[in-house]
Amino acid sequence: MQKNERRTRQNITTVSLLETWEIKQNMMREGGNFSRFVRNCLREWARYEQEIVCLRATIPDRELLCFPRDARLCVECWPDGPPSNWDWMNYMGRTDEGDYQ
């Protein structure tokens, strides 16, 4: 493996951060949930690296959210990550009334 090649098959299980004012403020925004805070930071960083552009921001009259199953998830439309299959089907209007029971 080359020195600058990234490892993508390794799970990160522990994260330690310095306690700064900015991190504390962002943690409060996430309800104090450290895991959610780290996931959202990683999503924002991936979006920054991949230069993902929200379609709703570039097409003024677009009402639909960006497609959430793309590997390059739009965090503006999906800030909490991709929706469950049921939530996506419900959003697309593909659920029956019987599905709510």
N, C-alpha and C. Protein backbone atom coordinates (compact mmCIF):
# COMPACT_ATOMS: atom_id res chain seq x y z
N MET A 1 0.84 -1.17 0.00
CA MET A 1 0.00 0.00 0.00
C MET A 1 0.89 1.24 0.00
N GLN A 2 0.58 2.18 -0.86
CA GLN A 2 1.35 3.41 -0.91
C GLN A 2 1.06 4.26 0.32
N LYS A 3 1.97 5.13 0.63
CA LYS A 3 1.86 5.93 1.83
C LYS A 3 0.62 6.83 1.82
N ASN A 4 0.27 7.39 0.67
CA ASN A 4 -0.86 8.31 0.61
C ASN A 4 -2.18 7.64 0.26
N GLU A 5 -2.18 6.33 0.09
CA GLU A 5 -3.40 5.60 -0.22
C GLU A 5 -4.24 5.43 1.05
N ARG A 6 -5.53 5.66 0.93
CA ARG A 6 -6.41 5.59 2.10
C ARG A 6 -6.91 4.17 2.33
N ARG A 7 -7.11 3.85 3.57
CA ARG A 7 -7.71 2.56 3.92
C ARG A 7 -9.21 2.79 4.09
N THR A 8 -10.01 2.06 3.37
CA THR A 8 -11.45 2.24 3.46
C THR A 8 -12.15 1.07 4.12
N ARG A 9 -11.46 0.00 4.38
CA ARG A 9 -12.08 -1.19 4.96
C ARG A 9 -11.92 -1.26 6.48
N GLN A 10 -11.36 -0.25 7.06
CA GLN A 10 -11.10 -0.27 8.49
C GLN A 10 -12.14 0.60 9.21
N ASN A 11 -12.76 0.06 10.24
CA ASN A 11 -13.73 0.81 11.02
C ASN A 11 -13.02 1.59 12.11
N ILE A 12 -13.43 2.82 12.29
CA ILE A 12 -12.92 3.64 13.39
C ILE A 12 -13.85 3.42 14.56
N THR A 13 -13.31 2.99 15.69
CA THR A 13 -14.16 2.68 16.84
C THR A 13 -13.98 3.67 17.98
N THR A 14 -12.91 4.45 17.99
CA THR A 14 -12.66 5.39 19.07
C THR A 14 -12.21 6.72 18.49
N VAL A 15 -12.79 7.80 19.02
CA VAL A 15 -12.41 9.15 18.59
C VAL A 15 -12.25 10.00 19.84
N SER A 16 -11.16 10.73 19.91
CA SER A 16 -10.93 11.67 21.01
C SER A 16 -10.74 13.05 20.40
N LEU A 17 -11.40 14.04 20.98
CA LEU A 17 -11.29 15.41 20.50
C LEU A 17 -10.87 16.33 21.63
N LEU A 18 -10.17 17.39 21.28
CA LEU A 18 -9.86 18.41 22.27
C LEU A 18 -11.15 19.14 22.62
N GLU A 19 -11.30 19.52 23.86
CA GLU A 19 -12.50 20.24 24.26
C GLU A 19 -12.31 21.72 23.96
N THR A 20 -12.89 22.16 22.86
CA THR A 20 -12.84 23.57 22.50
C THR A 20 -14.25 24.12 22.54
N TRP A 21 -14.34 25.43 22.54
CA TRP A 21 -15.65 26.08 22.58
C TRP A 21 -16.49 25.69 21.37
N GLU A 22 -15.86 25.66 20.18
CA GLU A 22 -16.58 25.34 18.96
C GLU A 22 -17.13 23.91 18.98
N ILE A 23 -16.33 22.98 19.46
CA ILE A 23 -16.79 21.59 19.55
C ILE A 23 -17.94 21.48 20.54
N LYS A 24 -17.83 22.16 21.67
CA LYS A 24 -18.92 22.12 22.67
C LYS A 24 -20.21 22.70 22.09
N GLN A 25 -20.11 23.79 21.33
CA GLN A 25 -21.29 24.40 20.73
C GLN A 25 -21.93 23.44 19.72
N ASN A 26 -21.11 22.80 18.90
CA ASN A 26 -21.64 21.86 17.91
C ASN A 26 -22.23 20.62 18.57
N MET A 27 -21.65 20.19 19.68
CA MET A 27 -22.20 19.06 20.42
C MET A 27 -23.58 19.41 20.97
N MET A 28 -23.74 20.64 21.43
CA MET A 28 -25.04 21.08 21.94
C MET A 28 -26.08 21.03 20.81
N ARG A 29 -25.66 21.41 19.61
CA ARG A 29 -26.55 21.37 18.45
C ARG A 29 -27.03 19.94 18.18
N GLU A 30 -26.19 18.97 18.48
CA GLU A 30 -26.53 17.56 18.27
C GLU A 30 -27.18 16.93 19.50
N GLY A 31 -27.57 17.74 20.46
CA GLY A 31 -28.21 17.22 21.65
C GLY A 31 -27.25 16.50 22.58
N GLY A 32 -25.96 16.80 22.48
CA GLY A 32 -24.97 16.16 23.34
C GLY A 32 -24.60 14.75 22.91
N ASN A 33 -25.11 14.30 21.78
CA ASN A 33 -24.84 12.95 21.29
C ASN A 33 -23.51 12.96 20.53
N PHE A 34 -22.46 12.44 21.15
CA PHE A 34 -21.12 12.49 20.57
C PHE A 34 -21.04 11.70 19.27
N SER A 35 -21.66 10.52 19.23
CA SER A 35 -21.62 9.70 18.01
C SER A 35 -22.27 10.43 16.84
N ARG A 36 -23.41 11.05 17.08
CA ARG A 36 -24.10 11.79 16.02
C ARG A 36 -23.24 12.97 15.56
N PHE A 37 -22.61 13.65 16.51
CA PHE A 37 -21.72 14.77 16.19
C PHE A 37 -20.59 14.31 15.28
N VAL A 38 -19.94 13.20 15.62
CA VAL A 38 -18.82 12.70 14.81
C VAL A 38 -19.31 12.27 13.43
N ARG A 39 -20.45 11.56 13.36
CA ARG A 39 -20.99 11.15 12.06
C ARG A 39 -21.27 12.36 11.17
N ASN A 40 -21.88 13.39 11.74
CA ASN A 40 -22.18 14.59 10.95
C ASN A 40 -20.92 15.31 10.51
N CYS A 41 -19.91 15.34 11.36
CA CYS A 41 -18.63 15.95 10.97
C CYS A 41 -18.02 15.18 9.80
N LEU A 42 -18.07 13.85 9.87
CA LEU A 42 -17.51 13.03 8.79
C LEU A 42 -18.29 13.21 7.50
N ARG A 43 -19.62 13.34 7.60
CA ARG A 43 -20.43 13.58 6.40
C ARG A 43 -20.09 14.93 5.78
N GLU A 44 -19.96 15.96 6.63
CA GLU A 44 -19.62 17.28 6.13
C GLU A 44 -18.24 17.27 5.46
N TRP A 45 -17.30 16.58 6.06
CA TRP A 45 -15.96 16.50 5.48
C TRP A 45 -15.99 15.76 4.14
N ALA A 46 -16.73 14.65 4.07
CA ALA A 46 -16.83 13.90 2.82
C ALA A 46 -17.48 14.77 1.74
N ARG A 47 -18.49 15.52 2.12
CA ARG A 47 -19.16 16.41 1.17
C ARG A 47 -18.18 17.47 0.67
N TYR A 48 -17.39 18.00 1.57
CA TYR A 48 -16.39 19.01 1.21
C TYR A 48 -15.35 18.41 0.25
N GLU A 49 -14.86 17.22 0.57
CA GLU A 49 -13.85 16.57 -0.27
C GLU A 49 -14.38 16.21 -1.65
N GLN A 50 -15.63 15.79 -1.71
CA GLN A 50 -16.20 15.35 -2.98
C GLN A 50 -16.87 16.48 -3.74
N GLU A 51 -16.88 17.66 -3.15
CA GLU A 51 -17.50 18.84 -3.77
C GLU A 51 -18.93 18.55 -4.19
N ILE A 52 -19.72 18.01 -3.26
CA ILE A 52 -21.11 17.69 -3.54
C ILE A 52 -21.92 18.98 -3.52
N VAL A 53 -22.74 19.16 -4.54
CA VAL A 53 -23.58 20.35 -4.64
C VAL A 53 -25.03 19.91 -4.54
N CYS A 54 -25.78 20.57 -3.69
CA CYS A 54 -27.20 20.26 -3.52
C CYS A 54 -27.96 20.72 -4.76
N LEU A 55 -28.76 19.83 -5.34
CA LEU A 55 -29.53 20.18 -6.53
C LEU A 55 -30.57 21.25 -6.23
N ARG A 56 -31.10 21.27 -5.01
CA ARG A 56 -32.09 22.28 -4.66
C ARG A 56 -31.47 23.67 -4.62
N ALA A 57 -30.17 23.73 -4.32
CA ALA A 57 -29.49 25.03 -4.28
C ALA A 57 -29.16 25.53 -5.69
N THR A 58 -28.96 24.62 -6.63
CA THR A 58 -28.57 25.02 -7.98
C THR A 58 -29.76 25.17 -8.93
N ILE A 59 -30.88 24.53 -8.61
CA ILE A 59 -32.08 24.63 -9.44
C ILE A 59 -33.17 25.29 -8.60
N PRO A 60 -33.39 26.60 -8.78
CA PRO A 60 -34.27 27.36 -7.88
C PRO A 60 -35.69 26.81 -7.72
N ASP A 61 -36.30 26.27 -8.78
CA ASP A 61 -37.68 25.80 -8.67
C ASP A 61 -37.79 24.31 -8.36
N ARG A 62 -36.69 23.67 -7.99
CA ARG A 62 -36.72 22.25 -7.63
C ARG A 62 -37.30 22.09 -6.23
N GLU A 63 -38.30 21.23 -6.10
CA GLU A 63 -38.93 20.99 -4.80
C GLU A 63 -38.50 19.67 -4.18
N LEU A 64 -38.11 18.72 -5.02
CA LEU A 64 -37.72 17.41 -4.50
C LEU A 64 -36.36 17.45 -3.82
N LEU A 65 -36.19 16.61 -2.82
CA LEU A 65 -34.90 16.47 -2.16
C LEU A 65 -33.96 15.69 -3.06
N CYS A 66 -32.67 15.84 -2.83
CA CYS A 66 -31.67 15.07 -3.58
C CYS A 66 -31.86 13.58 -3.31
N PHE A 67 -31.46 12.75 -4.26
CA PHE A 67 -31.60 11.29 -4.13
C PHE A 67 -30.68 10.79 -3.01
N PRO A 68 -31.21 10.16 -1.97
CA PRO A 68 -30.41 9.81 -0.80
C PRO A 68 -29.60 8.52 -0.91
N ARG A 69 -29.77 7.76 -1.95
CA ARG A 69 -29.07 6.48 -2.05
C ARG A 69 -27.75 6.60 -2.80
N ASP A 70 -27.45 7.77 -3.28
CA ASP A 70 -26.18 8.01 -3.96
C ASP A 70 -25.05 7.91 -2.94
N ALA A 71 -23.91 7.42 -3.36
CA ALA A 71 -22.76 7.32 -2.46
C ALA A 71 -22.33 8.70 -1.97
N ARG A 72 -22.66 9.72 -2.75
CA ARG A 72 -22.32 11.09 -2.38
C ARG A 72 -23.56 11.77 -1.81
N LEU A 73 -23.93 11.44 -0.61
CA LEU A 73 -25.16 11.92 0.02
C LEU A 73 -25.12 13.42 0.26
N CYS A 74 -26.18 14.11 -0.13
CA CYS A 74 -26.30 15.55 0.11
C CYS A 74 -26.72 15.78 1.56
N VAL A 75 -25.87 16.41 2.36
CA VAL A 75 -26.19 16.61 3.77
C VAL A 75 -27.12 17.79 3.99
N GLU A 76 -27.35 18.61 2.97
CA GLU A 76 -28.33 19.69 3.11
C GLU A 76 -29.74 19.12 3.07
N CYS A 77 -29.97 18.16 2.18
CA CYS A 77 -31.29 17.53 2.10
C CYS A 77 -31.47 16.43 3.15
N TRP A 78 -30.37 15.77 3.51
CA TRP A 78 -30.43 14.63 4.43
C TRP A 78 -29.41 14.82 5.57
N PRO A 79 -29.63 15.77 6.47
CA PRO A 79 -28.64 16.06 7.52
C PRO A 79 -28.44 14.91 8.51
N ASP A 80 -29.42 14.03 8.65
CA ASP A 80 -29.29 12.91 9.59
C ASP A 80 -28.89 11.63 8.89
N GLY A 81 -28.39 11.73 7.68
CA GLY A 81 -28.01 10.54 6.93
C GLY A 81 -29.15 10.08 6.05
N PRO A 82 -28.94 9.00 5.31
CA PRO A 82 -29.97 8.52 4.40
C PRO A 82 -31.19 8.01 5.16
N PRO A 83 -32.39 8.22 4.61
CA PRO A 83 -33.60 7.74 5.28
C PRO A 83 -33.70 6.22 5.17
N SER A 84 -34.53 5.66 6.04
CA SER A 84 -34.80 4.22 5.94
C SER A 84 -35.56 3.96 4.64
N ASN A 85 -35.59 2.72 4.22
CA ASN A 85 -36.33 2.39 2.99
C ASN A 85 -37.79 2.80 3.10
N TRP A 86 -38.40 2.55 4.27
CA TRP A 86 -39.81 2.91 4.46
C TRP A 86 -40.01 4.41 4.36
N ASP A 87 -39.14 5.20 5.01
CA ASP A 87 -39.26 6.66 4.95
C ASP A 87 -39.09 7.17 3.52
N TRP A 88 -38.16 6.57 2.78
CA TRP A 88 -37.96 6.99 1.39
C TRP A 88 -39.19 6.66 0.54
N MET A 89 -39.75 5.46 0.70
CA MET A 89 -40.94 5.08 -0.05
C MET A 89 -42.11 5.99 0.32
N ASN A 90 -42.23 6.34 1.59
CA ASN A 90 -43.28 7.25 2.03
C ASN A 90 -43.09 8.62 1.39
N TYR A 91 -41.88 9.12 1.36
CA TYR A 91 -41.58 10.42 0.75
C TYR A 91 -41.93 10.41 -0.74
N MET A 92 -41.64 9.31 -1.41
CA MET A 92 -41.91 9.20 -2.84
C MET A 92 -43.38 8.88 -3.13
N GLY A 93 -44.19 8.68 -2.08
CA GLY A 93 -45.61 8.41 -2.27
C GLY A 93 -45.89 6.99 -2.70
N ARG A 94 -45.03 6.07 -2.31
CA ARG A 94 -45.19 4.67 -2.72
C ARG A 94 -45.63 3.77 -1.58
N THR A 95 -46.22 4.33 -0.55
CA THR A 95 -46.74 3.50 0.55
C THR A 95 -48.25 3.49 0.47
N ASP A 96 -48.84 2.39 0.87
CA ASP A 96 -50.30 2.28 0.90
C ASP A 96 -50.80 2.69 2.27
N GLU A 97 -52.09 3.02 2.35
CA GLU A 97 -52.66 3.40 3.63
C GLU A 97 -52.53 2.26 4.64
N GLY A 98 -52.56 1.02 4.17
CA GLY A 98 -52.43 -0.14 5.05
C GLY A 98 -51.05 -0.24 5.67
N ASP A 99 -50.07 0.42 5.09
CA ASP A 99 -48.72 0.39 5.64
C ASP A 99 -48.61 1.14 6.96
N TYR A 100 -49.57 2.02 7.25
CA TYR A 100 -49.51 2.82 8.47
C TYR A 100 -50.06 2.08 9.68
N GLN A 101 -50.69 0.94 9.48
CA GLN A 101 -51.30 0.21 10.59
C GLN A 101 -50.31 -0.68 11.27
